[in-house]
Amino acid sequence: MSVPQVVVHRDAELLATAVAARLITRIVDAQATGAAVHVVLTGGRNGNALLEAIAGSPARDAVDWPRLNLWWGDERYLPDGHPDRNHTQARAALLDSVPVDPARVHPVPASDTQGNGPEAAAASYAEELARAAGPGDRGGVPSFDVLLLGVGPDTHVASLFPEHPGVRETERTVVAVRGAPKPPPTRISMTLPAIRAAREVWLLAAGAEKAEAVALALGGAGELQAPAAGAQGRRRTLWLLDRAAAAAIPQQLYPPASP
């Protein structure tokens, strides 16, 4: 696993703009190789702000959208089109305004399309990931070029919450989450083994309410106590923060990231 690198931006708005430029560049460079490119999206305030920044960027048309494969790290187990689903929000923020190929957009099954419960929905998504994995990919998932995660104020990432069963999973790539400490209580989430299969993991956090969680995860806490601490990419792990979220970490302990 890679050593975490930290990039700090002035505020949440600049964070979204800068990460949008970084992600567009990363996708364009990866597509230039001719290989299939897989990106895992995240929801929440920072994830949606990033997608909106991409939608408003003049550089967005440099991406070959029809060839881009999109996934989600977690989802709320709600009906298709529900305004609280990450997929619904992503469509409004970006996907409806760019020419994605619907066959390459992989939302987590919704409660009304996979009505046999969240466990069945999780198994279905795991099977979809496995079908997309190539012969050289690890752990039954594609080698995601970039996997985006928002960091919660309790250090959760995706829908992996401190001390919950999902953060302890070592075999399955996707699990059902019941009794989540934030609504809605029933969710679907990639697990740490799936997250760690990514080439690059980018963790986003903005706001003073995230400062303690960021410091805990970067300060040596274990993944059971701080799931964000266990989210690492094989080649690169980037913590992309605003100044408020970075306020509690000693700057000298973590190397800045190259562009």
Protein backbone atom coordinates (compact mmCIF):
# COMPACT_ATOMS: atom_id res chain seq x y z
CA MET A 1 0.00 0.00 0.00
CA SER A 2 1.08 3.57 -0.68
CA VAL A 3 2.11 6.20 1.87
CA PRO A 4 -0.58 8.88 2.34
CA GLN A 5 0.15 12.24 0.77
CA VAL A 6 -1.66 15.42 1.77
CA VAL A 7 -2.73 18.35 -0.41
CA VAL A 8 -4.32 21.33 1.32
CA HIS A 9 -6.38 23.97 -0.49
CA ARG A 10 -7.59 27.30 0.83
CA ASP A 11 -11.29 26.48 1.12
CA ALA A 12 -13.97 24.02 0.03
CA GLU A 13 -14.71 25.83 -3.24
CA LEU A 14 -11.08 25.82 -4.33
CA LEU A 15 -10.77 22.20 -3.22
CA ALA A 16 -13.59 21.17 -5.55
CA THR A 17 -12.15 23.15 -8.48
CA ALA A 18 -8.62 21.85 -7.99
CA VAL A 19 -9.66 18.22 -7.56
CA ALA A 20 -11.86 18.49 -10.65
CA ALA A 21 -8.83 19.62 -12.69
CA ARG A 22 -6.70 16.87 -11.16
CA LEU A 23 -9.29 14.18 -11.92
CA ILE A 24 -9.87 15.32 -15.49
CA THR A 25 -6.11 15.21 -16.10
CA ARG A 26 -5.82 11.76 -14.52
CA ILE A 27 -8.64 10.36 -16.65
CA VAL A 28 -7.32 11.88 -19.88
CA ASP A 29 -3.83 10.53 -19.22
CA ALA A 30 -5.19 7.07 -18.45
CA GLN A 31 -7.39 7.04 -21.55
CA ALA A 32 -4.40 8.00 -23.69
CA THR A 33 -2.95 4.54 -22.99
CA GLY A 34 -5.92 2.92 -24.71
CA ALA A 35 -6.82 0.85 -21.67
CA ALA A 36 -10.26 0.73 -20.09
CA VAL A 37 -10.50 3.40 -17.38
CA HIS A 38 -12.53 2.84 -14.21
CA VAL A 39 -13.41 5.57 -11.71
CA VAL A 40 -15.35 5.11 -8.48
CA LEU A 41 -17.49 8.10 -7.52
CA THR A 42 -18.47 9.26 -4.06
CA GLY A 43 -21.51 11.16 -2.89
CA GLY A 44 -22.02 13.65 -0.12
CA ARG A 45 -21.32 17.37 -0.07
CA ASN A 46 -17.72 17.16 -1.26
CA GLY A 47 -18.33 14.45 -3.84
CA ASN A 48 -21.20 16.34 -5.42
CA ALA A 49 -19.27 19.63 -5.34
CA LEU A 50 -16.48 17.89 -7.25
CA LEU A 51 -18.89 16.62 -9.91
CA GLU A 52 -20.42 20.07 -10.28
CA ALA A 53 -16.95 21.54 -10.70
CA ILE A 54 -16.20 19.03 -13.45
CA ALA A 55 -19.49 19.90 -15.16
CA GLY A 56 -18.51 23.56 -15.13
CA SER A 57 -14.93 23.05 -16.26
CA PRO A 58 -13.94 24.02 -19.81
CA ALA A 59 -11.61 21.01 -19.76
CA ARG A 60 -14.38 18.47 -19.25
CA ASP A 61 -14.66 17.83 -22.98
CA ALA A 62 -11.11 16.47 -22.99
CA VAL A 63 -12.53 13.35 -21.33
CA ASP A 64 -13.73 10.62 -23.68
CA TRP A 65 -16.93 10.16 -21.71
CA PRO A 66 -18.39 7.28 -23.77
CA ARG A 67 -15.32 5.17 -22.90
CA LEU A 68 -15.29 5.93 -19.16
CA ASN A 69 -16.48 3.27 -16.70
CA LEU A 70 -18.13 4.69 -13.58
CA TRP A 71 -18.91 2.95 -10.28
CA TRP A 72 -19.98 3.95 -6.77
CA GLY A 73 -18.24 3.11 -3.51
CA ASP A 74 -21.51 3.02 -1.61
CA GLU A 75 -25.19 3.71 -1.96
CA ARG A 76 -28.29 4.19 0.11
CA TYR A 77 -30.72 1.28 -0.26
CA LEU A 78 -33.58 3.36 -1.63
CA PRO A 79 -35.75 3.26 -4.78
CA ASP A 80 -34.24 4.17 -8.12
CA GLY A 81 -34.39 7.92 -8.68
CA HIS A 82 -34.73 8.74 -4.98
CA PRO A 83 -33.15 12.17 -4.37
CA ASP A 84 -30.96 10.80 -1.56
CA ARG A 85 -29.29 8.17 -3.75
CA ASN A 86 -25.72 8.97 -4.77
CA HIS A 87 -26.51 7.89 -8.33
CA THR A 88 -29.42 10.34 -8.56
CA GLN A 89 -27.30 13.20 -7.25
CA ALA A 90 -24.43 12.35 -9.59
CA ARG A 91 -26.76 12.45 -12.58
CA ALA A 92 -27.98 15.90 -11.59
CA ALA A 93 -24.49 17.21 -10.82
CA LEU A 94 -22.68 15.88 -13.91
CA LEU A 95 -23.75 12.73 -15.70
CA ASP A 96 -26.84 14.13 -17.39
CA SER A 97 -24.70 16.83 -18.99
CA VAL A 98 -21.97 14.64 -20.51
CA PRO A 99 -22.23 11.85 -23.12
CA VAL A 100 -21.62 8.84 -20.89
CA ASP A 101 -22.42 5.38 -22.20
CA PRO A 102 -25.25 4.01 -20.01
CA ALA A 103 -23.73 0.54 -20.33
CA ARG A 104 -20.56 1.82 -18.65
CA VAL A 105 -22.36 3.54 -15.76
CA HIS A 106 -22.80 1.05 -12.93
CA PRO A 107 -25.14 2.25 -10.18
CA VAL A 108 -25.60 0.08 -7.12
CA PRO A 109 -28.91 -1.82 -7.34
CA ALA A 110 -31.85 0.12 -5.93
CA SER A 111 -34.40 -1.22 -3.48
CA ASP A 112 -37.10 -1.39 -6.17
CA THR A 113 -34.90 -3.04 -8.80
CA GLN A 114 -33.28 -5.52 -6.42
CA GLY A 115 -36.12 -6.11 -4.01
CA ASN A 116 -34.74 -9.18 -2.26
CA GLY A 117 -33.02 -7.07 0.37
CA PRO A 118 -29.69 -5.28 0.69
CA GLU A 119 -27.72 -8.50 0.98
CA ALA A 120 -28.94 -9.60 -2.45
CA ALA A 121 -28.21 -6.13 -3.85
CA ALA A 122 -24.67 -6.26 -2.44
CA ALA A 123 -24.10 -9.70 -3.95
CA SER A 124 -25.41 -8.49 -7.31
CA TYR A 125 -23.03 -5.51 -7.33
CA ALA A 126 -20.12 -7.73 -6.35
CA GLU A 127 -20.94 -9.98 -9.32
CA GLU A 128 -21.06 -6.97 -11.65
CA LEU A 129 -17.65 -5.83 -10.41
CA ALA A 130 -16.23 -9.32 -10.90
CA ARG A 131 -17.50 -9.46 -14.49
CA ALA A 132 -15.71 -6.19 -15.24
CA ALA A 133 -12.42 -7.33 -13.71
CA GLY A 134 -9.66 -8.28 -16.12
CA PRO A 135 -7.28 -11.24 -15.86
CA GLY A 136 -4.60 -9.12 -14.19
CA ASP A 137 -6.93 -7.38 -11.75
CA ARG A 138 -6.93 -8.19 -8.07
CA GLY A 139 -9.59 -9.25 -5.65
CA GLY A 140 -12.53 -9.66 -8.00
CA VAL A 141 -12.83 -5.99 -8.97
CA PRO A 142 -11.42 -3.85 -11.78
CA SER A 143 -8.16 -2.06 -11.04
CA PHE A 144 -9.84 1.28 -10.45
CA ASP A 145 -7.74 4.13 -11.80
CA VAL A 146 -9.14 6.49 -9.17
CA LEU A 147 -11.43 5.64 -6.28
CA LEU A 148 -12.95 8.70 -4.61
CA LEU A 149 -14.04 8.72 -0.98
CA GLY A 150 -15.54 11.37 1.24
CA VAL A 151 -14.41 11.30 4.87
CA GLY A 152 -17.16 11.63 7.47
CA PRO A 153 -16.76 13.44 10.80
CA ASP A 154 -16.74 10.02 12.49
CA THR A 155 -13.94 8.85 10.07
CA HIS A 156 -16.31 6.69 8.00
CA VAL A 157 -15.63 6.20 4.29
CA ALA A 158 -18.14 4.81 1.80
CA SER A 159 -20.62 3.24 4.25
CA LEU A 160 -17.95 1.67 6.44
CA PHE A 161 -18.50 3.01 9.94
CA PRO A 162 -16.24 2.66 13.00
CA GLU A 163 -16.63 -0.72 14.71
CA HIS A 164 -19.40 -1.84 12.33
CA PRO A 165 -19.25 -5.33 10.78
CA GLY A 166 -18.56 -3.99 7.28
CA VAL A 167 -15.20 -2.50 8.24
CA ARG A 168 -14.11 -5.93 9.50
CA GLU A 169 -14.83 -7.67 6.19
CA THR A 170 -11.76 -9.32 4.65
CA GLU A 171 -13.21 -11.45 1.86
CA ARG A 172 -16.27 -9.91 0.19
CA THR A 173 -15.94 -6.86 -2.05
CA VAL A 174 -19.42 -5.47 -1.36
CA VAL A 175 -21.57 -5.80 1.76
CA ALA A 176 -24.98 -4.78 3.03
CA VAL A 177 -24.90 -2.30 5.89
CA ARG A 178 -27.74 -2.34 8.40
CA GLY A 179 -28.13 -0.01 11.35
CA ALA A 180 -25.85 2.72 9.96
CA PRO A 181 -25.44 5.54 12.49
CA LYS A 182 -26.57 8.13 9.92
CA PRO A 183 -29.76 7.96 7.85
CA PRO A 184 -30.81 6.02 6.00
CA PRO A 185 -29.76 3.05 8.14
CA THR A 186 -29.69 0.51 5.29
CA ARG A 187 -26.94 0.86 2.72
CA ILE A 188 -24.64 -1.00 0.32
CA SER A 189 -20.89 -0.47 0.49
CA MET A 190 -17.64 -1.57 -1.06
CA THR A 191 -15.32 -3.04 1.52
CA LEU A 192 -11.73 -2.20 2.34
CA PRO A 193 -10.41 -5.12 0.21
CA ALA A 194 -12.20 -3.65 -2.83
CA ILE A 195 -11.03 -0.13 -2.02
CA ARG A 196 -7.42 -1.28 -1.66
CA ALA A 197 -7.50 -2.83 -5.12
CA ALA A 198 -7.59 0.68 -6.61
CA ARG A 199 -4.46 2.11 -8.17
CA GLU A 200 -5.20 5.46 -6.55
CA VAL A 201 -7.47 6.34 -3.62
CA TRP A 202 -8.38 10.00 -3.14
CA LEU A 203 -9.98 11.03 0.16
CA LEU A 204 -11.87 14.32 0.26
CA ALA A 205 -12.60 16.37 3.37
CA ALA A 206 -13.58 19.99 3.89
CA GLY A 207 -14.74 21.94 6.92
CA ALA A 208 -13.74 22.27 10.55
CA GLU A 209 -16.10 19.45 11.54
CA LYS A 210 -13.81 17.03 9.66
CA ALA A 211 -10.54 18.15 11.31
CA GLU A 212 -10.62 15.68 14.18
CA ALA A 213 -11.48 12.78 11.89
CA VAL A 214 -8.65 13.66 9.49
CA ALA A 215 -6.14 13.93 12.32
CA LEU A 216 -7.28 10.61 13.80
CA ALA A 217 -7.08 8.72 10.51
CA LEU A 218 -3.66 10.17 9.59
CA GLY A 219 -2.34 9.89 13.13
CA GLY A 220 -2.00 6.14 13.29
CA ALA A 221 -5.48 5.03 14.37
CA GLY A 222 -6.52 1.55 13.27
CA GLU A 223 -9.13 0.99 10.60
CA LEU A 224 -11.69 -0.42 13.07
CA GLN A 225 -11.61 2.83 15.01
CA ALA A 226 -11.08 5.02 11.95
CA PRO A 227 -12.12 3.33 8.67
CA ALA A 228 -10.55 6.16 6.64
CA ALA A 229 -7.16 5.00 7.93
CA GLY A 230 -7.62 1.73 6.06
CA ALA A 231 -8.47 3.34 2.71
CA GLN A 232 -5.24 3.15 0.73
CA GLY A 233 -4.41 2.86 -2.96
CA ARG A 234 -1.85 0.43 -4.34
CA ARG A 235 0.13 3.20 -6.08
CA ARG A 236 -1.11 6.40 -4.46
CA THR A 237 -3.19 7.60 -1.54
CA LEU A 238 -4.14 11.28 -1.67
CA TRP A 239 -5.79 13.23 1.13
CA LEU A 240 -7.33 16.28 -0.55
CA LEU A 241 -8.33 18.79 2.13
CA ASP A 242 -9.22 22.39 2.74
CA ARG A 243 -7.42 24.34 5.45
CA ALA A 244 -10.19 23.86 7.99
CA ALA A 245 -10.15 20.06 7.63
CA ALA A 246 -6.34 19.99 7.79
CA ALA A 247 -6.08 22.21 10.88
CA ALA A 248 -5.32 19.42 13.37
CA ILE A 249 -2.62 17.50 11.49
CA PRO A 250 1.10 18.32 11.88
CA GLN A 251 2.14 19.46 8.41
CA GLN A 252 5.69 18.19 8.75
CA LEU A 253 4.56 14.57 9.17
CA TYR A 254 3.09 14.10 5.72
CA PRO A 255 4.77 14.69 2.35
CA PRO A 256 2.99 17.02 -0.05
CA ALA A 257 1.80 15.40 -3.23
CA SER A 258 3.23 16.10 -6.63
CA PRO A 259 0.78 17.50 -9.22
